[in-house]
Amino acid sequence: MEIVKPAMAGTLESSDAQIMVEPGENGIELFLKSSVMNQYGRQIKATVLETLERLGVKNARVTVVDKGALDCTLKARVECAVFRSADASEKDIPWGGAVR
């Protein structure tokens, strides 16, 4: 999936994450800030990168501001931001199957 325009999903509330995706040219550039970086930073990074891979995103700048979100929340936020960025309409979104 190609990132066409900047898009965001999520909030800065506790137990959530705000994900910003922008078009990129050199693969995936990931910028991560988390209130639980020391404990879960590697897992957050792995979850975000795995979700991008499953969605077929090859080039993007991704900024994650995590406030203690669970993996399922991170996946949902990444998926939403990518679909918004790719201008996917409701009928084009593969509900219930793109992210495992």
Protein backbone atom coordinates (compact mmCIF):
# COMPACT_ATOMS: atom_id res chain seq x y z
CA MET A 1 0.00 0.00 0.00
CA GLU A 2 1.35 3.42 -0.89
CA ILE A 3 1.29 6.31 1.56
CA VAL A 4 -0.18 9.21 -0.43
CA LYS A 5 -0.60 11.97 2.14
CA PRO A 6 0.07 12.60 5.83
CA ALA A 7 -2.51 11.05 8.16
CA MET A 8 -2.96 10.48 11.86
CA ALA A 9 -4.87 8.10 14.11
CA GLY A 10 -5.20 7.82 17.86
CA THR A 11 -4.99 10.14 20.84
CA LEU A 12 -2.55 11.13 23.56
CA GLU A 13 -4.77 9.70 26.29
CA SER A 14 -3.48 7.10 28.73
CA SER A 15 -3.43 3.56 27.27
CA ASP A 16 -3.57 4.86 23.69
CA ALA A 17 -1.10 5.84 20.99
CA GLN A 18 -1.01 8.54 18.35
CA ILE A 19 0.34 7.37 15.00
CA MET A 20 1.35 9.75 12.21
CA VAL A 21 2.28 8.41 8.77
CA GLU A 22 3.76 10.45 5.95
CA PRO A 23 5.10 9.60 2.51
CA GLY A 24 8.72 8.47 2.57
CA GLU A 25 11.40 7.49 0.09
CA ASN A 26 13.95 5.38 1.97
CA GLY A 27 12.01 2.46 3.36
CA ILE A 28 10.35 2.75 6.77
CA GLU A 29 11.64 5.54 9.00
CA LEU A 30 10.24 4.97 12.50
CA PHE A 31 10.33 7.58 15.25
CA LEU A 32 9.12 6.30 18.60
CA LYS A 33 8.39 8.07 21.87
CA SER A 34 6.81 6.10 24.69
CA SER A 35 6.06 6.48 28.36
CA VAL A 36 7.02 2.81 28.71
CA MET A 37 10.04 2.82 26.37
CA ASN A 38 12.39 1.06 28.80
CA GLN A 39 9.97 -1.79 29.41
CA TYR A 40 8.28 -2.25 26.03
CA GLY A 41 10.11 -0.19 23.40
CA ARG A 42 11.29 -3.21 21.39
CA GLN A 43 7.82 -4.79 21.40
CA ILE A 44 6.16 -1.54 20.31
CA LYS A 45 8.63 -1.16 17.43
CA ALA A 46 8.14 -4.80 16.37
CA THR A 47 4.34 -4.48 16.43
CA VAL A 48 4.34 -1.28 14.35
CA LEU A 49 6.81 -2.66 11.78
CA GLU A 50 4.97 -5.98 11.51
CA THR A 51 1.66 -4.20 10.93
CA LEU A 52 3.18 -1.99 8.23
CA GLU A 53 4.64 -5.07 6.55
CA ARG A 54 1.29 -6.87 6.58
CA LEU A 55 -0.31 -3.82 4.98
CA GLY A 56 2.35 -3.77 2.26
CA VAL A 57 3.80 -0.37 3.20
CA LYS A 58 7.33 -0.10 1.78
CA ASN A 59 8.17 3.62 2.15
CA ALA A 60 6.91 5.85 4.95
CA ARG A 61 7.88 8.13 7.80
CA VAL A 62 6.05 6.88 10.88
CA THR A 63 5.90 8.73 14.18
CA VAL A 64 4.53 6.92 17.23
CA VAL A 65 3.72 8.66 20.51
CA ASP A 66 2.74 5.84 22.84
CA LYS A 67 1.03 6.26 26.19
CA GLY A 68 0.97 2.61 27.22
CA ALA A 69 -1.17 1.16 24.43
CA LEU A 70 -1.69 -2.57 24.09
CA ASP A 71 -0.52 -4.34 20.92
CA CYS A 72 -4.08 -4.59 19.58
CA THR A 73 -4.48 -0.82 19.97
CA LEU A 74 -1.16 -0.15 18.21
CA LYS A 75 -2.20 -2.40 15.31
CA ALA A 76 -5.58 -0.68 14.99
CA ARG A 77 -4.04 2.81 15.08
CA VAL A 78 -1.39 1.95 12.48
CA GLU A 79 -3.99 0.34 10.24
CA CYS A 80 -6.30 3.36 10.51
CA ALA A 81 -3.54 5.89 9.81
CA VAL A 82 -2.32 3.93 6.77
CA PHE A 83 -5.82 3.58 5.31
CA ARG A 84 -6.46 7.29 5.83
CA SER A 85 -3.14 8.14 4.22
CA ALA A 86 -3.81 5.93 1.22
CA ASP A 87 -7.25 7.53 0.68
CA ALA A 88 -8.95 4.17 1.14
CA SER A 89 -12.70 4.55 1.16
CA GLU A 90 -14.90 2.43 3.40
CA LYS A 91 -15.63 -0.02 0.58
CA ASP A 92 -11.89 -0.52 -0.09
CA ILE A 93 -10.93 -1.40 3.47
CA PRO A 94 -10.44 -5.17 4.03
CA TRP A 95 -12.26 -5.25 7.37
CA GLY A 96 -11.40 -8.16 9.58
CA GLY A 97 -8.52 -9.60 7.61
CA ALA A 98 -5.65 -7.21 6.86
CA VAL A 99 -4.10 -7.21 10.30
CA ARG A 100 -3.80 -10.37 12.37
